[in-house]
C-alpha atoms as a PDB file:
ATOM      1  CA  MET A   1       6.748 -15.529  25.654  1.00  0.00           C
ATOM      2  CA  LEU A   2       6.174 -18.899  23.932  1.00  0.00           C
ATOM      3  CA  SER A   3       5.909 -22.067  25.868  1.00  0.00           C
ATOM      4  CA  LEU A   4       8.236 -24.951  24.993  1.00  0.00           C
ATOM      5  CA  ASN A   5       5.421 -26.865  23.233  1.00  0.00           C
ATOM      6  CA  GLU A   6       4.409 -23.812  21.156  1.00  0.00           C
ATOM      7  CA  TRP A   7       8.019 -23.181  20.187  1.00  0.00           C
ATOM      8  CA  ARG A   8       8.444 -26.806  19.068  1.00  0.00           C
ATOM      9  CA  ARG A   9       5.291 -26.619  16.948  1.00  0.00           C
ATOM     10  CA  LYS A  10       6.449 -23.406  15.231  1.00  0.00           C
ATOM     11  CA  ARG A  11       9.998 -24.578  14.768  1.00  0.00           C
ATOM     12  CA  ARG A  12      10.528 -26.464  11.544  1.00  0.00           C
ATOM     13  CA  SER A  13      12.292 -29.759  11.607  1.00  0.00           C
ATOM     14  CA  ILE A  14      14.858 -30.915   9.086  1.00  0.00           C
ATOM     15  CA  PHE A  15      12.179 -33.209   7.674  1.00  0.00           C
ATOM     16  CA  ASP A  16       9.891 -30.231   7.013  1.00  0.00           C
ATOM     17  CA  LEU A  17      12.695 -28.515   5.124  1.00  0.00           C
ATOM     18  CA  PHE A  18      13.398 -31.712   3.183  1.00  0.00           C
ATOM     19  CA  ASP A  19       9.698 -32.070   2.280  1.00  0.00           C
ATOM     20  CA  GLU A  20       9.594 -28.484   1.035  1.00  0.00           C
ATOM     21  CA  LEU A  21      12.753 -29.006  -1.016  1.00  0.00           C
ATOM     22  CA  MET A  22      11.274 -32.152  -2.583  1.00  0.00           C
ATOM     23  CA  ARG A  23       8.040 -30.299  -3.446  1.00  0.00           C
ATOM     24  CA  GLU A  24      10.033 -27.564  -5.194  1.00  0.00           C
ATOM     25  CA  PHE A  25      12.069 -30.206  -7.030  1.00  0.00           C
ATOM     26  CA  GLU A  26       8.873 -31.944  -8.193  1.00  0.00           C
ATOM     27  CA  GLU A  27       7.453 -28.636  -9.473  1.00  0.00           C
ATOM     28  CA  GLU A  28      10.643 -27.895 -11.415  1.00  0.00           C
ATOM     29  CA  PHE A  29      10.679 -31.420 -12.833  1.00  0.00           C
ATOM     30  CA  GLU A  30       7.036 -31.099 -13.935  1.00  0.00           C
ATOM     31  CA  ASP A  31       7.891 -27.831 -15.736  1.00  0.00           C
ATOM     32  CA  LEU A  32      10.793 -29.589 -17.453  1.00  0.00           C
ATOM     33  CA  LEU A  33       8.550 -32.470 -18.546  1.00  0.00           C
ATOM     34  CA  LYS A  34       5.980 -29.999 -19.846  1.00  0.00           C
ATOM     35  CA  GLY A  35       8.706 -28.350 -21.962  1.00  0.00           C
ATOM     36  CA  PHE A  36       9.780 -31.745 -23.367  1.00  0.00           C
ATOM     37  CA  ARG A  37       6.168 -32.598 -24.224  1.00  0.00           C
ATOM     38  CA  GLU A  38       5.761 -29.285 -26.088  1.00  0.00           C
ATOM     39  CA  PHE A  39       9.062 -29.839 -27.899  1.00  0.00           C
ATOM     40  CA  SER A  40       8.075 -33.367 -28.969  1.00  0.00           C
ATOM     41  CA  ARG A  41       4.896 -31.972 -30.534  1.00  0.00           C
ATOM     42  CA  SER A  42       6.777 -29.200 -32.330  1.00  0.00           C
ATOM     43  CA  GLU A  43       8.207 -29.369 -35.826  1.00  0.00           C
ATOM     44  CA  LEU A  44      11.757 -29.401 -34.454  1.00  0.00           C
ATOM     45  CA  TYR A  45      11.393 -32.882 -32.989  1.00  0.00           C
ATOM     46  CA  GLY A  46      12.867 -35.684 -35.082  1.00  0.00           C
ATOM     47  CA  ARG A  47      14.512 -33.382 -37.613  1.00  0.00           C
ATOM     48  CA  PRO A  48      18.154 -32.373 -37.655  1.00  0.00           C
ATOM     49  CA  TYR A  49      18.654 -28.706 -37.008  1.00  0.00           C
ATOM     50  CA  VAL A  50      21.663 -26.435 -37.211  1.00  0.00           C
ATOM     51  CA  TYR A  51      21.911 -22.935 -35.815  1.00  0.00           C
ATOM     52  CA  GLY A  52      24.911 -20.724 -35.397  1.00  0.00           C
ATOM     53  CA  PHE A  53      25.925 -17.131 -35.477  1.00  0.00           C
ATOM     54  CA  ARG A  54      28.987 -15.013 -35.972  1.00  0.00           C
ATOM     55  CA  ILE A  55      29.587 -11.515 -34.657  1.00  0.00           C
ATOM     56  CA  THR A  56      31.937  -9.209 -36.539  1.00  0.00           C
ATOM     57  CA  ILE A  57      32.724  -5.521 -36.304  1.00  0.00           C
ATOM     58  CA  GLY A  58      31.949  -3.635 -39.507  1.00  0.00           C
ATOM     59  CA  PRO A  59      34.057  -0.828 -40.984  1.00  0.00           C
ATOM     60  CA  ASP A  60      31.759   1.657 -39.248  1.00  0.00           C
ATOM     61  CA  GLY A  61      32.660   0.137 -35.862  1.00  0.00           C
ATOM     62  CA  LYS A  62      29.214  -1.350 -35.278  1.00  0.00           C
ATOM     63  CA  PRO A  63      28.803  -5.055 -34.466  1.00  0.00           C
ATOM     64  CA  LYS A  64      27.115  -7.208 -37.111  1.00  0.00           C
ATOM     65  CA  VAL A  65      25.443 -10.513 -36.232  1.00  0.00           C
ATOM     66  CA  GLU A  66      25.163 -13.095 -39.015  1.00  0.00           C
ATOM     67  CA  GLU A  67      23.078 -16.211 -38.458  1.00  0.00           C
ATOM     68  CA  PHE A  68      23.457 -19.455 -40.367  1.00  0.00           C
ATOM     69  CA  GLY A  69      21.838 -22.880 -40.376  1.00  0.00           C
ATOM     70  CA  ASN A  70      18.323 -24.139 -40.987  1.00  0.00           C
ATOM     71  CA  VAL A  71      16.578 -22.659 -37.941  1.00  0.00           C
ATOM     72  CA  LYS A  72      14.849 -19.346 -38.630  1.00  0.00           C
ATOM     73  CA  ARG A  73      12.943 -17.089 -36.289  1.00  0.00           C
ATOM     74  CA  VAL A  74       9.272 -16.705 -37.120  1.00  0.00           C
ATOM     75  CA  GLY A  75       7.849 -14.354 -34.521  1.00  0.00           C
ATOM     76  CA  SER A  76       8.930 -15.671 -31.142  1.00  0.00           C
ATOM     77  CA  ARG A  77       9.103 -19.328 -32.217  1.00  0.00           C
ATOM     78  CA  PRO A  78      11.878 -21.121 -34.075  1.00  0.00           C
ATOM     79  CA  LYS A  79      11.056 -22.737 -37.405  1.00  0.00           C
ATOM     80  CA  VAL A  80      13.124 -25.404 -39.134  1.00  0.00           C
ATOM     81  CA  VAL A  81      13.399 -24.892 -42.881  1.00  0.00           C
ATOM     82  CA  GLU A  82      14.501 -27.452 -45.421  1.00  0.00           C
ATOM     83  CA  GLU A  83      17.451 -25.468 -46.782  1.00  0.00           C
ATOM     84  CA  MET A  84      20.377 -24.486 -44.579  1.00  0.00           C
ATOM     85  CA  GLU A  85      21.957 -21.095 -44.888  1.00  0.00           C
ATOM     86  CA  PRO A  86      25.731 -21.527 -45.237  1.00  0.00           C
ATOM     87  CA  LEU A  87      28.231 -19.348 -43.434  1.00  0.00           C
ATOM     88  CA  VAL A  88      29.391 -16.775 -46.004  1.00  0.00           C
ATOM     89  CA  ASP A  89      32.222 -14.223 -46.098  1.00  0.00           C
ATOM     90  CA  VAL A  90      32.235 -11.356 -48.603  1.00  0.00           C
ATOM     91  CA  ILE A  91      35.689  -9.896 -49.209  1.00  0.00           C
ATOM     92  CA  GLU A  92      35.878  -6.645 -51.142  1.00  0.00           C
ATOM     93  CA  GLU A  93      39.170  -5.893 -52.832  1.00  0.00           C
ATOM     94  CA  GLU A  94      40.139  -2.935 -55.009  1.00  0.00           C
ATOM     95  CA  ASP A  95      39.070  -4.452 -58.347  1.00  0.00           C
ATOM     96  CA  ARG A  96      37.123  -7.580 -57.382  1.00  0.00           C
ATOM     97  CA  ILE A  97      34.815  -9.174 -54.836  1.00  0.00           C
ATOM     98  CA  LYS A  98      35.249 -12.645 -53.376  1.00  0.00           C
ATOM     99  CA  VAL A  99      32.416 -14.636 -51.853  1.00  0.00           C
ATOM    100  CA  VAL A 100      33.427 -17.630 -49.737  1.00  0.00           C
ATOM    101  CA  ALA A 101      30.734 -20.071 -48.552  1.00  0.00           C
ATOM    102  CA  GLU A 102      31.069 -23.140 -46.343  1.00  0.00           C
ATOM    103  CA  MET A 103      28.908 -25.981 -47.705  1.00  0.00           C
ATOM    104  CA  PRO A 104      30.255 -29.281 -46.346  1.00  0.00           C
ATOM    105  CA  GLY A 105      28.802 -32.593 -47.473  1.00  0.00           C
ATOM    106  CA  VAL A 106      27.814 -31.539 -51.001  1.00  0.00           C
ATOM    107  CA  GLU A 107      29.460 -32.810 -54.181  1.00  0.00           C
ATOM    108  CA  LYS A 108      30.876 -30.271 -56.636  1.00  0.00           C
ATOM    109  CA  GLU A 109      28.392 -31.324 -59.333  1.00  0.00           C
ATOM    110  CA  LYS A 110      25.472 -30.465 -57.045  1.00  0.00           C
ATOM    111  CA  VAL A 111      26.552 -26.849 -56.432  1.00  0.00           C
ATOM    112  CA  SER A 112      25.113 -24.014 -58.538  1.00  0.00           C
ATOM    113  CA  VAL A 113      25.876 -20.305 -58.556  1.00  0.00           C
ATOM    114  CA  LYS A 114      23.915 -17.516 -60.232  1.00  0.00           C
ATOM    115  CA  ALA A 115      25.414 -14.035 -60.362  1.00  0.00           C
ATOM    116  CA  THR A 116      23.777 -10.707 -61.170  1.00  0.00           C
ATOM    117  CA  GLU A 117      25.181  -7.189 -60.968  1.00  0.00           C
ATOM    118  CA  ASP A 118      24.504  -6.893 -57.263  1.00  0.00           C
ATOM    119  CA  THR A 119      23.748 -10.391 -55.909  1.00  0.00           C
ATOM    120  CA  VAL A 120      25.029 -13.935 -55.918  1.00  0.00           C
ATOM    121  CA  VAL A 121      22.647 -16.853 -55.347  1.00  0.00           C
ATOM    122  CA  ILE A 122      24.242 -20.050 -54.040  1.00  0.00           C
ATOM    123  CA  ARG A 123      22.523 -23.441 -54.049  1.00  0.00           C
ATOM    124  CA  GLY A 124      23.822 -26.852 -53.134  1.00  0.00           C
ATOM    125  CA  SER A 125      22.045 -30.104 -52.426  1.00  0.00           C
ATOM    126  CA  ASP A 126      22.776 -33.697 -51.624  1.00  0.00           C
ATOM    127  CA  THR A 127      20.667 -36.502 -50.182  1.00  0.00           C
ATOM    128  CA  ASN A 128      21.043 -35.243 -46.599  1.00  0.00           C
ATOM    129  CA  ARG A 129      21.735 -31.536 -47.024  1.00  0.00           C
ATOM    130  CA  LYS A 130      20.400 -28.552 -48.916  1.00  0.00           C
ATOM    131  CA  TYR A 131      21.977 -25.121 -48.902  1.00  0.00           C
ATOM    132  CA  TYR A 132      20.621 -21.802 -50.137  1.00  0.00           C
ATOM    133  CA  LYS A 133      21.879 -18.266 -49.707  1.00  0.00           C
ATOM    134  CA  GLU A 134      21.304 -15.020 -51.560  1.00  0.00           C
ATOM    135  CA  VAL A 135      24.252 -12.697 -50.983  1.00  0.00           C
ATOM    136  CA  ALA A 136      23.994  -8.937 -51.524  1.00  0.00           C
ATOM    137  CA  LEU A 137      27.265  -7.616 -52.923  1.00  0.00           C
ATOM    138  CA  PRO A 138      28.823  -4.371 -51.635  1.00  0.00           C
ATOM    139  CA  ALA A 139      29.427  -3.027 -55.181  1.00  0.00           C
ATOM    140  CA  LYS A 140      28.209  -3.614 -58.733  1.00  0.00           C
ATOM    141  CA  VAL A 141      30.027  -6.445 -60.533  1.00  0.00           C
ATOM    142  CA  LYS A 142      30.296  -7.872 -64.023  1.00  0.00           C
ATOM    143  CA  PRO A 143      28.419 -11.182 -63.716  1.00  0.00           C
ATOM    144  CA  GLU A 144      30.032 -12.577 -66.877  1.00  0.00           C
ATOM    145  CA  THR A 145      33.444 -12.493 -65.136  1.00  0.00           C
ATOM    146  CA  ALA A 146      32.366 -14.796 -62.300  1.00  0.00           C
ATOM    147  CA  LYS A 147      34.653 -17.735 -61.542  1.00  0.00           C
ATOM    148  CA  ALA A 148      33.869 -20.367 -58.914  1.00  0.00           C
ATOM    149  CA  THR A 149      35.890 -23.146 -57.312  1.00  0.00           C
ATOM    150  CA  TYR A 150      34.710 -25.761 -54.837  1.00  0.00           C
ATOM    151  CA  ARG A 151      37.134 -27.771 -52.708  1.00  0.00           C
ATOM    152  CA  ASN A 152      36.673 -29.600 -49.412  1.00  0.00           C
ATOM    153  CA  GLY A 153      33.235 -28.109 -48.798  1.00  0.00           C
ATOM    154  CA  VAL A 154      34.317 -24.502 -49.423  1.00  0.00           C
ATOM    155  CA  LEU A 155      32.920 -22.561 -52.381  1.00  0.00           C
ATOM    156  CA  GLU A 156      34.895 -19.516 -53.547  1.00  0.00           C
ATOM    157  CA  ILE A 157      33.412 -17.136 -56.112  1.00  0.00           C
ATOM    158  CA  THR A 158      35.432 -14.272 -57.622  1.00  0.00           C
ATOM    159  CA  LEU A 159      33.781 -11.433 -59.550  1.00  0.00           C
ATOM    160  CA  GLU A 160      35.287  -8.331 -61.156  1.00  0.00           C
ATOM    161  CA  LYS A 161      33.848  -5.011 -60.109  1.00  0.00           C
ATOM    162  CA  ALA A 162      31.900  -3.131 -62.782  1.00  0.00           C
ATOM    163  CA  GLU A 163      33.639   0.155 -62.034  1.00  0.00           C
ATOM    164  CA  ARG A 164      37.109   0.286 -60.698  1.00  0.00           C
ATOM    165  CA  LYS A 165      38.081   3.105 -58.421  1.00  0.00           C
ATOM    166  CA  LYS A 166      39.917   5.715 -60.386  1.00  0.00           C
ATOM    167  CA  SER A 167      43.413   6.252 -59.130  1.00  0.00           C
ATOM    168  CA  GLY A 168      44.297   9.841 -58.488  1.00  0.00           C
ATOM    169  CA  VAL A 169      47.376  11.708 -59.587  1.00  0.00           C
ATOM    170  CA  ASP A 170      49.287  14.043 -57.326  1.00  0.00           C
ATOM    171  CA  VAL A 171      49.144  17.588 -58.656  1.00  0.00           C
ATOM    172  CA  ARG A 172      51.836  20.056 -57.790  1.00  0.00           C
ATOM    173  CA  VAL A 173      50.503  23.320 -56.470  1.00  0.00           C
ATOM    174  CA  GLU A 174      52.400  26.434 -57.625  1.00  0.00           C
END
């Protein structure tokens, strides 16, 4: 059995617990400062950066994650690129395809669109912002039919499909 003096020496006082808590707090704070120092030396510091993502469910029932902004993953580290990737929706209809891109802060005159049979390349730039996105289309289109409108930071491109789905005819079986 322990004597009273031995028990008191082994028993921790509230001050011992407080000292231990403060040591742990200091260690956590040092780790936080180390992270800030690394961040301030990185290419992200001092530059505006935008990153976002959208999750949708495709027609096959599988989730699809689409990233947008000017932060790209290069290995395990983020990298800030000069051109932002706008958020884009591709809407396939029976005889045409619509591409809708959000590009706020760019004047209409500074937006350009290039269409091919299977892709659309969108560019937009202003003094503070640059956008770039190459969009793969779900079907072949006629690039010469492309029409684009730009209002309130939203670009809408409409293209006719190269081959329309042939409509079937009901046949009576005798």
